[in-house]
N, C-alpha and C. Protein backbone atom coordinates (compact mmCIF):
# COMPACT_ATOMS: atom_id res chain seq x y z
N MET A 1 -5.45 21.95 27.52
CA MET A 1 -4.09 21.99 27.32
C MET A 1 -3.81 21.78 25.74
N LYS A 2 -2.89 22.64 25.30
CA LYS A 2 -2.55 22.66 23.84
C LYS A 2 -1.44 21.62 23.65
N PRO A 3 -1.60 20.83 22.53
CA PRO A 3 -0.55 19.88 22.27
C PRO A 3 0.75 20.60 21.73
N GLY A 4 1.95 20.10 22.15
CA GLY A 4 3.13 20.57 21.86
C GLY A 4 3.55 20.37 20.39
N PRO A 5 4.63 20.99 19.97
CA PRO A 5 5.08 20.79 18.49
C PRO A 5 5.41 19.41 18.24
N HIS A 6 5.97 18.69 19.16
CA HIS A 6 6.34 17.25 18.98
C HIS A 6 5.13 16.48 18.60
N MET A 7 4.08 16.66 19.29
CA MET A 7 2.89 15.92 19.08
C MET A 7 2.24 16.34 17.67
N ARG A 8 2.28 17.59 17.32
CA ARG A 8 1.82 18.00 16.02
C ARG A 8 2.54 17.38 14.93
N ILE A 9 3.83 17.26 15.08
CA ILE A 9 4.74 16.68 14.04
C ILE A 9 4.45 15.27 13.90
N ALA A 10 4.26 14.54 15.09
CA ALA A 10 3.99 13.13 14.97
C ALA A 10 2.65 12.87 14.38
N VAL A 11 1.60 13.60 14.65
CA VAL A 11 0.30 13.46 14.02
C VAL A 11 0.32 13.77 12.55
N THR A 12 1.07 14.74 12.20
CA THR A 12 1.18 15.10 10.76
C THR A 12 1.94 14.01 10.00
N SER A 13 2.92 13.43 10.69
CA SER A 13 3.69 12.38 10.01
C SER A 13 2.84 11.15 9.81
N ARG A 14 2.05 10.90 10.82
CA ARG A 14 1.19 9.66 10.74
C ARG A 14 0.09 9.95 9.59
N ILE A 15 -0.39 11.09 9.51
CA ILE A 15 -1.37 11.45 8.40
C ILE A 15 -0.71 11.22 7.00
N LEU A 16 0.52 11.71 6.97
CA LEU A 16 1.31 11.62 5.64
C LEU A 16 1.46 10.11 5.32
N ALA A 17 1.88 9.30 6.40
CA ALA A 17 2.10 7.88 6.22
C ALA A 17 0.87 7.19 5.84
N ALA A 18 -0.31 7.53 6.50
CA ALA A 18 -1.51 6.92 6.11
C ALA A 18 -2.04 7.30 4.76
N ALA A 19 -2.01 8.51 4.48
CA ALA A 19 -2.62 9.01 3.27
C ALA A 19 -1.78 8.74 2.00
N LEU A 20 -0.46 9.24 2.11
CA LEU A 20 0.40 9.05 0.87
C LEU A 20 1.01 7.72 0.85
N GLY A 21 1.64 7.27 2.03
CA GLY A 21 2.22 5.94 2.01
C GLY A 21 1.19 4.89 1.82
N GLY A 22 0.03 5.03 2.41
CA GLY A 22 -1.06 4.14 2.17
C GLY A 22 -1.53 3.97 0.68
N TYR A 23 -1.59 5.14 0.11
CA TYR A 23 -1.96 5.15 -1.31
C TYR A 23 -0.89 4.44 -2.20
N VAL A 24 0.37 4.70 -1.85
CA VAL A 24 1.42 4.06 -2.70
C VAL A 24 1.43 2.53 -2.54
N LEU A 25 1.35 2.12 -1.23
CA LEU A 25 1.21 0.66 -0.92
C LEU A 25 0.07 0.02 -1.54
N THR A 26 -1.12 0.67 -1.42
CA THR A 26 -2.26 0.09 -1.96
C THR A 26 -2.19 0.02 -3.45
N SER A 27 -1.62 0.99 -4.07
CA SER A 27 -1.45 0.90 -5.59
C SER A 27 -0.50 -0.22 -5.96
N LEU A 28 0.54 -0.38 -5.21
CA LEU A 28 1.51 -1.45 -5.54
C LEU A 28 0.86 -2.82 -5.40
N ILE A 29 0.09 -2.98 -4.27
CA ILE A 29 -0.60 -4.21 -4.03
C ILE A 29 -1.69 -4.55 -5.27
N ALA A 30 -2.34 -3.51 -5.56
CA ALA A 30 -3.37 -3.73 -6.71
C ALA A 30 -2.63 -4.02 -8.06
N VAL A 31 -1.52 -3.44 -8.35
CA VAL A 31 -0.86 -3.73 -9.53
C VAL A 31 -0.28 -5.14 -9.46
N ALA A 32 0.22 -5.51 -8.30
CA ALA A 32 0.83 -6.90 -8.20
C ALA A 32 -0.33 -7.97 -8.31
N LEU A 33 -1.47 -7.72 -7.68
CA LEU A 33 -2.58 -8.63 -7.92
C LEU A 33 -2.99 -8.69 -9.32
N PHE A 34 -3.15 -7.58 -10.01
CA PHE A 34 -3.51 -7.58 -11.45
C PHE A 34 -2.51 -8.37 -12.20
N LEU A 35 -1.28 -8.18 -12.05
CA LEU A 35 -0.32 -8.91 -12.81
C LEU A 35 -0.33 -10.37 -12.52
N LEU A 36 -0.53 -10.69 -11.23
CA LEU A 36 -0.64 -12.14 -10.93
C LEU A 36 -1.86 -12.83 -11.45
N LEU A 37 -3.00 -12.16 -11.42
CA LEU A 37 -4.25 -12.65 -12.03
C LEU A 37 -4.05 -12.86 -13.51
N ARG A 38 -3.50 -11.87 -14.20
CA ARG A 38 -3.27 -11.91 -15.54
C ARG A 38 -2.42 -13.13 -15.91
N ARG A 39 -1.36 -13.31 -15.13
CA ARG A 39 -0.42 -14.38 -15.37
C ARG A 39 -1.16 -15.87 -15.22
N GLN A 40 -2.20 -15.80 -14.33
CA GLN A 40 -2.91 -17.12 -14.10
C GLN A 40 -4.04 -17.21 -15.21
N GLY A 41 -4.10 -16.30 -16.13
CA GLY A 41 -5.07 -16.47 -17.37
C GLY A 41 -6.35 -15.82 -17.11
N MET A 42 -6.56 -15.03 -16.16
CA MET A 42 -7.85 -14.36 -15.98
C MET A 42 -7.98 -13.25 -17.04
N ALA A 43 -9.15 -13.03 -17.50
CA ALA A 43 -9.35 -12.00 -18.47
C ALA A 43 -8.88 -10.57 -17.93
N GLN A 44 -8.53 -9.72 -18.85
CA GLN A 44 -7.92 -8.49 -18.36
C GLN A 44 -8.86 -7.61 -17.65
N ASP A 45 -10.21 -7.53 -18.16
CA ASP A 45 -11.13 -6.64 -17.38
C ASP A 45 -11.36 -7.19 -16.01
N ALA A 46 -11.58 -8.49 -15.81
CA ALA A 46 -11.81 -9.11 -14.52
C ALA A 46 -10.57 -8.97 -13.60
N ALA A 47 -9.42 -9.15 -14.21
CA ALA A 47 -8.13 -9.06 -13.45
C ALA A 47 -7.89 -7.65 -12.98
N LEU A 48 -8.51 -6.65 -13.70
CA LEU A 48 -8.30 -5.28 -13.28
C LEU A 48 -9.41 -4.84 -12.28
N LEU A 49 -10.50 -5.39 -12.42
CA LEU A 49 -11.65 -5.04 -11.50
C LEU A 49 -11.53 -5.61 -10.05
N ALA A 50 -11.11 -6.84 -10.00
CA ALA A 50 -10.99 -7.44 -8.67
C ALA A 50 -10.09 -6.73 -7.74
N PRO A 51 -8.74 -6.46 -8.12
CA PRO A 51 -7.88 -5.76 -7.26
C PRO A 51 -8.30 -4.28 -6.99
N THR A 52 -8.92 -3.69 -8.00
CA THR A 52 -9.43 -2.24 -7.75
C THR A 52 -10.48 -2.18 -6.68
N LEU A 53 -11.47 -3.11 -6.67
CA LEU A 53 -12.51 -3.12 -5.71
C LEU A 53 -11.81 -3.54 -4.29
N GLY A 54 -10.97 -4.52 -4.35
CA GLY A 54 -10.35 -4.89 -3.08
C GLY A 54 -9.43 -3.77 -2.53
N SER A 55 -8.95 -2.88 -3.44
CA SER A 55 -8.02 -1.81 -2.91
C SER A 55 -8.70 -0.92 -1.87
N PHE A 56 -10.07 -0.78 -1.90
CA PHE A 56 -10.72 0.13 -0.95
C PHE A 56 -10.51 -0.51 0.48
N ILE A 57 -10.67 -1.83 0.62
CA ILE A 57 -10.56 -2.52 1.87
C ILE A 57 -9.02 -2.49 2.36
N ILE A 58 -8.10 -2.70 1.39
CA ILE A 58 -6.70 -2.74 1.63
C ILE A 58 -6.30 -1.29 2.14
N TYR A 59 -6.79 -0.25 1.49
CA TYR A 59 -6.36 1.12 1.89
C TYR A 59 -6.82 1.50 3.32
N ALA A 60 -8.13 1.03 3.57
CA ALA A 60 -8.63 1.26 4.88
C ALA A 60 -7.84 0.52 5.91
N ALA A 61 -7.44 -0.68 5.73
CA ALA A 61 -6.62 -1.50 6.67
C ALA A 61 -5.34 -0.87 6.89
N ILE A 62 -4.73 -0.40 5.90
CA ILE A 62 -3.31 0.21 5.92
C ILE A 62 -3.52 1.47 6.86
N ILE A 63 -4.52 2.34 6.61
CA ILE A 63 -4.68 3.45 7.37
C ILE A 63 -4.89 3.18 8.82
N MET A 64 -5.68 2.19 9.12
CA MET A 64 -5.88 1.70 10.55
C MET A 64 -4.54 1.25 11.11
N ALA A 65 -3.73 0.40 10.39
CA ALA A 65 -2.56 -0.12 10.83
C ALA A 65 -1.53 1.07 11.26
N VAL A 66 -1.47 2.09 10.36
CA VAL A 66 -0.68 3.19 10.64
C VAL A 66 -1.00 3.93 11.94
N PHE A 67 -2.25 4.14 12.15
CA PHE A 67 -2.67 4.83 13.34
C PHE A 67 -2.72 3.87 14.65
N HIS A 68 -2.54 2.61 14.35
CA HIS A 68 -2.51 1.63 15.46
C HIS A 68 -1.13 1.29 15.89
N ALA A 69 -0.09 1.76 15.10
CA ALA A 69 1.30 1.51 15.41
C ALA A 69 1.63 2.28 16.69
N ARG A 70 2.64 1.74 17.40
CA ARG A 70 3.04 2.33 18.65
C ARG A 70 3.70 3.65 18.55
N SER A 71 4.34 3.81 17.36
CA SER A 71 5.12 5.07 17.21
C SER A 71 5.02 5.41 15.80
N THR A 72 5.27 6.64 15.49
CA THR A 72 5.35 7.21 14.11
C THR A 72 6.48 6.53 13.30
N THR A 73 7.60 6.26 13.98
CA THR A 73 8.72 5.60 13.24
C THR A 73 8.36 4.22 12.92
N ARG A 74 7.70 3.49 13.81
CA ARG A 74 7.30 2.18 13.51
C ARG A 74 6.39 2.11 12.28
N ALA A 75 5.48 3.09 12.35
CA ALA A 75 4.49 3.18 11.21
C ALA A 75 5.19 3.27 9.85
N TRP A 76 6.17 4.22 9.87
CA TRP A 76 6.89 4.50 8.67
C TRP A 76 7.80 3.32 8.21
N LEU A 77 8.48 2.65 9.25
CA LEU A 77 9.22 1.40 8.96
C LEU A 77 8.34 0.35 8.42
N TRP A 78 7.17 0.18 9.03
CA TRP A 78 6.28 -0.92 8.52
C TRP A 78 5.87 -0.66 7.11
N MET A 79 5.55 0.63 6.82
CA MET A 79 5.13 0.98 5.53
C MET A 79 6.25 0.69 4.47
N ILE A 80 7.41 1.12 4.74
CA ILE A 80 8.55 0.97 3.84
C ILE A 80 8.92 -0.54 3.78
N GLY A 81 8.90 -1.22 4.86
CA GLY A 81 9.17 -2.57 4.95
C GLY A 81 8.20 -3.54 4.07
N VAL A 82 6.98 -3.11 4.00
CA VAL A 82 5.94 -3.89 3.19
C VAL A 82 6.03 -3.46 1.75
N SER A 83 6.30 -2.06 1.50
CA SER A 83 6.27 -1.63 0.13
C SER A 83 7.38 -2.10 -0.72
N LEU A 84 8.60 -2.33 -0.16
CA LEU A 84 9.74 -2.72 -0.90
C LEU A 84 9.62 -4.09 -1.50
N PRO A 85 9.21 -5.12 -0.72
CA PRO A 85 9.01 -6.43 -1.38
C PRO A 85 7.90 -6.53 -2.41
N VAL A 86 6.78 -5.66 -2.14
CA VAL A 86 5.76 -5.66 -3.14
C VAL A 86 6.25 -4.99 -4.38
N ALA A 87 7.00 -3.82 -4.27
CA ALA A 87 7.59 -3.18 -5.48
C ALA A 87 8.50 -4.12 -6.20
N LEU A 88 9.29 -4.90 -5.53
CA LEU A 88 10.20 -5.84 -6.16
C LEU A 88 9.37 -6.89 -6.84
N LEU A 89 8.30 -7.34 -6.27
CA LEU A 89 7.49 -8.34 -7.04
C LEU A 89 6.80 -7.78 -8.31
N VAL A 90 6.37 -6.55 -8.24
CA VAL A 90 5.84 -5.80 -9.39
C VAL A 90 6.88 -5.75 -10.39
N GLY A 91 8.10 -5.31 -10.12
CA GLY A 91 9.19 -5.22 -10.99
C GLY A 91 9.45 -6.57 -11.69
N LEU A 92 9.59 -7.65 -10.88
CA LEU A 92 9.81 -8.97 -11.52
C LEU A 92 8.64 -9.33 -12.41
N LEU A 93 7.54 -9.12 -12.02
CA LEU A 93 6.30 -9.50 -12.86
C LEU A 93 6.32 -8.78 -14.22
N LEU A 94 6.73 -7.42 -14.13
CA LEU A 94 6.66 -6.73 -15.38
C LEU A 94 7.78 -7.08 -16.32
N ARG A 95 8.95 -7.46 -15.65
CA ARG A 95 10.06 -7.94 -16.56
C ARG A 95 9.74 -9.30 -17.24
N GLY A 96 9.02 -10.10 -16.43
CA GLY A 96 8.62 -11.34 -16.90
C GLY A 96 7.40 -11.38 -17.85
N GLY A 97 6.86 -10.28 -18.19
CA GLY A 97 5.75 -10.15 -19.01
C GLY A 97 4.45 -10.58 -18.34
N GLY A 98 4.28 -10.27 -17.12
CA GLY A 98 3.04 -10.72 -16.33
C GLY A 98 1.85 -9.89 -16.74
N GLY A 99 2.05 -8.75 -17.42
CA GLY A 99 0.86 -8.04 -17.72
C GLY A 99 0.27 -8.23 -19.17
N THR A 100 0.82 -9.16 -19.92
CA THR A 100 0.39 -9.29 -21.29
C THR A 100 -0.54 -10.47 -21.37
């Protein structure tokens, strides 16, 4: 039995949420961690390396969470709901000079 167009759209939307949305969220988290570690006095190279290595685990967890969500809408809402506060934190840290 061939899947209908609704199912194809839902799967495509989840793939986009996992791949693109997951990449954006992972990047935001990595930048926020870098800025927080720098603010705590960690050396720039170590503060950059730690979130970069951790981002592989974060990205995989986000992808699994997107495909574990009950619906595509919930996956997107979760992705947006988590991304906005992290983006706000990054903005606040950048204004406060967290990266210097």
